[in-house]
Amino acid sequence: MTKDDCYQVGHITKTHGVSGELVLFLDVDDPTEYADLDSVLLEVKGELIPYFIESIAIVKGSRAIVAFEDIDTIEQAERLINCGAYLPLENLEPITDETRFYFHEIVGYQVVDAEAGALGTVRGVYAMNAQDLIAMDYQGKEVLIPINSDIVRTVDRENQKLNVVLPAGLLEIYMEDNSKEKPEVDGDEDATDED
């Protein structure tokens, strides 16, 4: 199974205790939906490897304490820190609501603004603490679009389009030429005024 057949649910952040348990950060809408996981695929050195779960406990919102089969020491657990955790796409319930979408499904979709029309394609989605952002390729630059219902209106799965109403000036911010050099101040001139 490859990453193309999977979606990322989170990643291992650190060890927990000395018996091989780990902290799994669940980057999902509702972590409690994952409280009964039997297994997960961990990305170890670029490969997805199945790990079977002995126990999992959701704690403090998006964190879970996980014990994997055959991981019994802190040394074994330390090797899994920072590994991404994945599940097969077939585990996902299909979304039919045109105002909701999975982040992975819109990659490659055309972004269409209500006023400006077709803009560019979705390159990826950044899940951030404060605000999730869509990364769009637009005229050779990356433009970040906040994900909220006022901006991202609907998804057209049949035509692979994401319909948006971008805030005024958003594109212009990214298109400004920041390479213009500021005038240099000549260090030889005396900056003080003489009376």
C-alpha atoms as a PDB file:
ATOM      1  CA  MET A   1       0.000   0.000   0.000  1.00  0.00           C
ATOM      2  CA  THR A   2       1.324   3.442  -0.935  1.00  0.00           C
ATOM      3  CA  LYS A   3       0.637   6.921   0.446  1.00  0.00           C
ATOM      4  CA  ASP A   4      -1.606   7.544  -2.569  1.00  0.00           C
ATOM      5  CA  ASP A   5      -3.941   4.844  -1.212  1.00  0.00           C
ATOM      6  CA  CYS A   6      -3.969   6.395   2.269  1.00  0.00           C
ATOM      7  CA  TYR A   7      -4.736   9.528   4.227  1.00  0.00           C
ATOM      8  CA  GLN A   8      -2.710  10.868   7.110  1.00  0.00           C
ATOM      9  CA  VAL A   9      -4.409  10.864  10.513  1.00  0.00           C
ATOM     10  CA  GLY A  10      -1.499  12.281  12.486  1.00  0.00           C
ATOM     11  CA  HIS A  11       2.039  11.594  13.632  1.00  0.00           C
ATOM     12  CA  ILE A  12       4.003  10.249  16.579  1.00  0.00           C
ATOM     13  CA  THR A  13       5.276  13.121  18.727  1.00  0.00           C
ATOM     14  CA  LYS A  14       7.114  11.506  21.644  1.00  0.00           C
ATOM     15  CA  THR A  15       7.450   8.527  23.923  1.00  0.00           C
ATOM     16  CA  HIS A  16       5.227   8.059  26.969  1.00  0.00           C
ATOM     17  CA  GLY A  17       6.673   6.274  29.973  1.00  0.00           C
ATOM     18  CA  VAL A  18       9.337   3.566  29.735  1.00  0.00           C
ATOM     19  CA  SER A  19       7.316   0.605  28.413  1.00  0.00           C
ATOM     20  CA  GLY A  20       7.263   1.572  24.741  1.00  0.00           C
ATOM     21  CA  GLU A  21       4.078   3.636  24.704  1.00  0.00           C
ATOM     22  CA  LEU A  22       3.925   6.630  22.378  1.00  0.00           C
ATOM     23  CA  VAL A  23       1.982   9.861  21.999  1.00  0.00           C
ATOM     24  CA  LEU A  24       0.080  10.025  18.712  1.00  0.00           C
ATOM     25  CA  PHE A  25      -1.125  13.477  17.652  1.00  0.00           C
ATOM     26  CA  LEU A  26      -4.404  12.983  15.757  1.00  0.00           C
ATOM     27  CA  ASP A  27      -4.793  15.694  13.118  1.00  0.00           C
ATOM     28  CA  VAL A  28      -8.489  14.990  12.527  1.00  0.00           C
ATOM     29  CA  ASP A  29     -11.812  16.719  13.147  1.00  0.00           C
ATOM     30  CA  ASP A  30     -13.002  14.283  15.819  1.00  0.00           C
ATOM     31  CA  PRO A  31     -10.231  12.285  17.552  1.00  0.00           C
ATOM     32  CA  THR A  32     -12.791  10.198  19.464  1.00  0.00           C
ATOM     33  CA  GLU A  33     -13.725   8.501  16.166  1.00  0.00           C
ATOM     34  CA  TYR A  34     -10.281   6.869  16.271  1.00  0.00           C
ATOM     35  CA  ALA A  35     -10.533   5.501  19.810  1.00  0.00           C
ATOM     36  CA  ASP A  36     -11.112   1.938  18.552  1.00  0.00           C
ATOM     37  CA  LEU A  37      -8.276   1.664  16.033  1.00  0.00           C
ATOM     38  CA  ASP A  38      -6.865  -1.844  15.634  1.00  0.00           C
ATOM     39  CA  SER A  39      -3.895  -0.847  13.499  1.00  0.00           C
ATOM     40  CA  VAL A  40      -2.240   2.056  11.741  1.00  0.00           C
ATOM     41  CA  LEU A  41       0.361   2.429   9.000  1.00  0.00           C
ATOM     42  CA  LEU A  42       3.476   4.287  10.139  1.00  0.00           C
ATOM     43  CA  GLU A  43       5.821   5.885   7.634  1.00  0.00           C
ATOM     44  CA  VAL A  44       9.239   4.549   8.586  1.00  0.00           C
ATOM     45  CA  LYS A  45      12.122   5.601   6.327  1.00  0.00           C
ATOM     46  CA  GLY A  46       9.724   6.390   3.487  1.00  0.00           C
ATOM     47  CA  GLU A  47       7.766   3.118   3.680  1.00  0.00           C
ATOM     48  CA  LEU A  48       4.338   2.480   5.194  1.00  0.00           C
ATOM     49  CA  ILE A  49       4.553  -0.320   7.730  1.00  0.00           C
ATOM     50  CA  PRO A  50       1.524  -1.734   9.564  1.00  0.00           C
ATOM     51  CA  TYR A  51       1.599  -1.549  13.359  1.00  0.00           C
ATOM     52  CA  PHE A  52      -1.026  -3.315  15.434  1.00  0.00           C
ATOM     53  CA  ILE A  53      -2.423  -1.462  18.420  1.00  0.00           C
ATOM     54  CA  GLU A  54      -2.625  -3.125  21.846  1.00  0.00           C
ATOM     55  CA  SER A  55      -4.259  -0.116  23.480  1.00  0.00           C
ATOM     56  CA  ILE A  56      -5.173   3.453  22.643  1.00  0.00           C
ATOM     57  CA  ALA A  57      -6.487   6.199  24.924  1.00  0.00           C
ATOM     58  CA  ILE A  58      -7.538   9.636  23.668  1.00  0.00           C
ATOM     59  CA  VAL A  59      -6.259  12.309  26.063  1.00  0.00           C
ATOM     60  CA  LYS A  60      -6.209  16.109  25.973  1.00  0.00           C
ATOM     61  CA  GLY A  61      -8.116  16.707  22.768  1.00  0.00           C
ATOM     62  CA  SER A  62      -6.044  15.551  19.817  1.00  0.00           C
ATOM     63  CA  ARG A  63      -3.487  13.423  21.643  1.00  0.00           C
ATOM     64  CA  ALA A  64      -3.659   9.678  22.133  1.00  0.00           C
ATOM     65  CA  ILE A  65      -1.453   7.378  24.184  1.00  0.00           C
ATOM     66  CA  VAL A  66      -0.788   4.289  22.051  1.00  0.00           C
ATOM     67  CA  ALA A  67       0.786   0.942  22.830  1.00  0.00           C
ATOM     68  CA  PHE A  68       1.825  -1.056  19.744  1.00  0.00           C
ATOM     69  CA  GLU A  69       2.391  -4.807  19.626  1.00  0.00           C
ATOM     70  CA  ASP A  70       6.099  -5.744  19.824  1.00  0.00           C
ATOM     71  CA  ILE A  71       7.149  -2.227  20.936  1.00  0.00           C
ATOM     72  CA  ASP A  72       8.060  -2.900  24.568  1.00  0.00           C
ATOM     73  CA  THR A  73      10.995  -0.616  25.327  1.00  0.00           C
ATOM     74  CA  ILE A  74      11.638   3.099  25.206  1.00  0.00           C
ATOM     75  CA  GLU A  75      14.478   2.452  22.729  1.00  0.00           C
ATOM     76  CA  GLN A  76      12.108   0.727  20.286  1.00  0.00           C
ATOM     77  CA  ALA A  77       9.559   3.517  20.743  1.00  0.00           C
ATOM     78  CA  GLU A  78      12.092   6.309  20.157  1.00  0.00           C
ATOM     79  CA  ARG A  79      12.671   5.023  16.604  1.00  0.00           C
ATOM     80  CA  LEU A  80       9.036   5.839  15.776  1.00  0.00           C
ATOM     81  CA  ILE A  81       9.082   9.494  16.907  1.00  0.00           C
ATOM     82  CA  ASN A  82       8.065  11.851  14.053  1.00  0.00           C
ATOM     83  CA  CYS A  83       6.668   9.006  11.938  1.00  0.00           C
ATOM     84  CA  GLY A  84       3.460   9.893  10.105  1.00  0.00           C
ATOM     85  CA  ALA A  85       0.397   7.755  10.864  1.00  0.00           C
ATOM     86  CA  TYR A  86      -1.845   6.716   7.950  1.00  0.00           C
ATOM     87  CA  LEU A  87      -5.019   4.759   7.280  1.00  0.00           C
ATOM     88  CA  PRO A  88      -6.357   3.383   3.965  1.00  0.00           C
ATOM     89  CA  LEU A  89      -8.632   5.736   2.006  1.00  0.00           C
ATOM     90  CA  GLU A  90     -11.246   2.977   1.900  1.00  0.00           C
ATOM     91  CA  ASN A  91     -11.794   3.595   5.646  1.00  0.00           C
ATOM     92  CA  LEU A  92     -13.202   7.062   4.934  1.00  0.00           C
ATOM     93  CA  GLU A  93     -16.906   7.657   4.650  1.00  0.00           C
ATOM     94  CA  PRO A  94     -17.655   9.373   1.335  1.00  0.00           C
ATOM     95  CA  ILE A  95     -18.750  13.017   1.634  1.00  0.00           C
ATOM     96  CA  THR A  96     -21.682  14.025  -0.556  1.00  0.00           C
ATOM     97  CA  ASP A  97     -22.216  17.493   0.930  1.00  0.00           C
ATOM     98  CA  GLU A  98     -20.837  20.047  -1.550  1.00  0.00           C
ATOM     99  CA  THR A  99     -19.765  22.395   1.276  1.00  0.00           C
ATOM    100  CA  ARG A 100     -17.480  19.827   2.950  1.00  0.00           C
ATOM    101  CA  PHE A 101     -14.413  17.949   1.744  1.00  0.00           C
ATOM    102  CA  TYR A 102     -11.432  15.950   2.889  1.00  0.00           C
ATOM    103  CA  PHE A 103      -8.193  17.893   2.579  1.00  0.00           C
ATOM    104  CA  HIS A 104      -6.482  15.177   0.527  1.00  0.00           C
ATOM    105  CA  GLU A 105      -9.309  14.966  -2.017  1.00  0.00           C
ATOM    106  CA  ILE A 106      -9.020  18.556  -3.300  1.00  0.00           C
ATOM    107  CA  VAL A 107      -5.316  18.347  -4.220  1.00  0.00           C
ATOM    108  CA  GLY A 108      -5.142  18.944  -7.962  1.00  0.00           C
ATOM    109  CA  TYR A 109      -8.568  20.639  -8.102  1.00  0.00           C
ATOM    110  CA  GLN A 110      -8.960  23.894 -10.041  1.00  0.00           C
ATOM    111  CA  VAL A 111      -9.664  26.918  -7.823  1.00  0.00           C
ATOM    112  CA  VAL A 112     -12.433  29.080  -9.312  1.00  0.00           C
ATOM    113  CA  ASP A 113     -13.148  32.510  -7.844  1.00  0.00           C
ATOM    114  CA  ALA A 114     -16.680  33.965  -8.160  1.00  0.00           C
ATOM    115  CA  GLU A 115     -15.290  37.176  -9.696  1.00  0.00           C
ATOM    116  CA  ALA A 116     -11.899  36.360 -11.209  1.00  0.00           C
ATOM    117  CA  GLY A 117     -12.794  32.910 -12.589  1.00  0.00           C
ATOM    118  CA  ALA A 118     -10.254  30.067 -12.851  1.00  0.00           C
ATOM    119  CA  LEU A 119      -7.115  30.872 -10.860  1.00  0.00           C
ATOM    120  CA  GLY A 120      -4.864  27.865 -10.340  1.00  0.00           C
ATOM    121  CA  THR A 121      -4.671  24.398  -8.852  1.00  0.00           C
ATOM    122  CA  VAL A 122      -4.631  23.185  -5.268  1.00  0.00           C
ATOM    123  CA  ARG A 123      -1.122  22.015  -4.423  1.00  0.00           C
ATOM    124  CA  GLY A 124      -1.869  20.951  -0.868  1.00  0.00           C
ATOM    125  CA  VAL A 125      -3.491  21.872   2.421  1.00  0.00           C
ATOM    126  CA  TYR A 126      -1.713  23.067   5.552  1.00  0.00           C
ATOM    127  CA  ALA A 127      -3.485  22.053   8.744  1.00  0.00           C
ATOM    128  CA  MET A 128      -2.524  24.790  11.192  1.00  0.00           C
ATOM    129  CA  ASN A 129      -3.567  25.394  14.786  1.00  0.00           C
ATOM    130  CA  ALA A 130      -5.095  28.806  14.130  1.00  0.00           C
ATOM    131  CA  GLN A 131      -6.358  28.392  10.553  1.00  0.00           C
ATOM    132  CA  ASP A 132      -6.233  25.643   7.919  1.00  0.00           C
ATOM    133  CA  LEU A 133      -4.907  26.909   4.588  1.00  0.00           C
ATOM    134  CA  ILE A 134      -5.199  25.769   0.975  1.00  0.00           C
ATOM    135  CA  ALA A 135      -1.943  26.144  -0.981  1.00  0.00           C
ATOM    136  CA  MET A 136      -2.716  27.129  -4.573  1.00  0.00           C
ATOM    137  CA  ASP A 137      -0.315  27.498  -7.505  1.00  0.00           C
ATOM    138  CA  TYR A 138      -1.116  30.865  -9.098  1.00  0.00           C
ATOM    139  CA  GLN A 139       1.035  32.407 -11.816  1.00  0.00           C
ATOM    140  CA  GLY A 140       4.122  30.591 -10.563  1.00  0.00           C
ATOM    141  CA  LYS A 141       3.631  31.540  -6.922  1.00  0.00           C
ATOM    142  CA  GLU A 142       2.107  29.832  -3.920  1.00  0.00           C
ATOM    143  CA  VAL A 143      -1.028  31.572  -2.645  1.00  0.00           C
ATOM    144  CA  LEU A 144      -2.507  30.549   0.710  1.00  0.00           C
ATOM    145  CA  ILE A 145      -6.292  30.593   0.987  1.00  0.00           C
ATOM    146  CA  PRO A 146      -7.900  30.393   4.455  1.00  0.00           C
ATOM    147  CA  ILE A 147     -10.424  27.590   4.766  1.00  0.00           C
ATOM    148  CA  ASN A 148     -13.716  28.911   6.069  1.00  0.00           C
ATOM    149  CA  SER A 149     -17.277  28.902   4.756  1.00  0.00           C
ATOM    150  CA  ASP A 150     -17.157  32.585   3.739  1.00  0.00           C
ATOM    151  CA  ILE A 151     -14.218  31.966   1.383  1.00  0.00           C
ATOM    152  CA  VAL A 152     -14.406  28.307   0.320  1.00  0.00           C
ATOM    153  CA  ARG A 153     -18.010  27.934  -0.784  1.00  0.00           C
ATOM    154  CA  THR A 154     -18.501  24.614  -2.599  1.00  0.00           C
ATOM    155  CA  VAL A 155     -16.627  21.681  -4.081  1.00  0.00           C
ATOM    156  CA  ASP A 156     -17.559  20.302  -7.511  1.00  0.00           C
ATOM    157  CA  ARG A 157     -16.242  16.747  -7.351  1.00  0.00           C
ATOM    158  CA  GLU A 158     -17.452  15.802 -10.828  1.00  0.00           C
ATOM    159  CA  ASN A 159     -15.461  18.611 -12.485  1.00  0.00           C
ATOM    160  CA  GLN A 160     -12.715  18.758  -9.830  1.00  0.00           C
ATOM    161  CA  LYS A 161     -13.293  22.421  -9.010  1.00  0.00           C
ATOM    162  CA  LEU A 162     -13.204  24.334  -5.754  1.00  0.00           C
ATOM    163  CA  ASN A 163     -15.478  27.376  -5.822  1.00  0.00           C
ATOM    164  CA  VAL A 164     -14.256  30.295  -3.721  1.00  0.00           C
ATOM    165  CA  VAL A 165     -14.916  33.955  -3.007  1.00  0.00           C
ATOM    166  CA  LEU A 166     -11.470  35.374  -2.260  1.00  0.00           C
ATOM    167  CA  PRO A 167     -11.132  38.414   0.009  1.00  0.00           C
ATOM    168  CA  ALA A 168     -10.344  41.632  -1.852  1.00  0.00           C
ATOM    169  CA  GLY A 169      -6.594  42.103  -2.237  1.00  0.00           C
ATOM    170  CA  LEU A 170      -5.553  38.540  -1.319  1.00  0.00           C
ATOM    171  CA  LEU A 171      -4.023  37.736  -4.716  1.00  0.00           C
ATOM    172  CA  GLU A 172      -2.357  41.136  -4.919  1.00  0.00           C
ATOM    173  CA  ILE A 173      -0.488  40.515  -1.667  1.00  0.00           C
ATOM    174  CA  TYR A 174       1.171  37.455  -3.200  1.00  0.00           C
ATOM    175  CA  MET A 175       1.801  39.088  -6.568  1.00  0.00           C
ATOM    176  CA  GLU A 176       3.651  42.143  -5.203  1.00  0.00           C
ATOM    177  CA  ASP A 177       7.271  42.228  -6.307  1.00  0.00           C
ATOM    178  CA  ASN A 178       9.230  41.893  -3.077  1.00  0.00           C
ATOM    179  CA  SER A 179      12.538  41.693  -4.919  1.00  0.00           C
ATOM    180  CA  LYS A 180      12.831  45.454  -5.372  1.00  0.00           C
ATOM    181  CA  GLU A 181      15.871  46.579  -3.467  1.00  0.00           C
ATOM    182  CA  LYS A 182      15.538  49.298  -0.903  1.00  0.00           C
ATOM    183  CA  PRO A 183      17.734  52.315  -1.532  1.00  0.00           C
ATOM    184  CA  GLU A 184      21.029  51.971   0.212  1.00  0.00           C
ATOM    185  CA  VAL A 185      22.095  54.583   2.736  1.00  0.00           C
ATOM    186  CA  ASP A 186      25.601  55.787   2.000  1.00  0.00           C
ATOM    187  CA  GLY A 187      27.613  55.257   5.138  1.00  0.00           C
ATOM    188  CA  ASP A 188      30.109  58.043   4.264  1.00  0.00           C
ATOM    189  CA  GLU A 189      27.629  60.858   4.642  1.00  0.00           C
ATOM    190  CA  ASP A 190      27.280  62.642   7.927  1.00  0.00           C
ATOM    191  CA  ALA A 191      23.764  62.050   9.164  1.00  0.00           C
ATOM    192  CA  THR A 192      23.807  64.926  11.650  1.00  0.00           C
ATOM    193  CA  ASP A 193      22.737  68.456  10.867  1.00  0.00           C
ATOM    194  CA  GLU A 194      25.213  71.228  11.473  1.00  0.00           C
ATOM    195  CA  ASP A 195      24.083  74.609  12.796  1.00  0.00           C
END
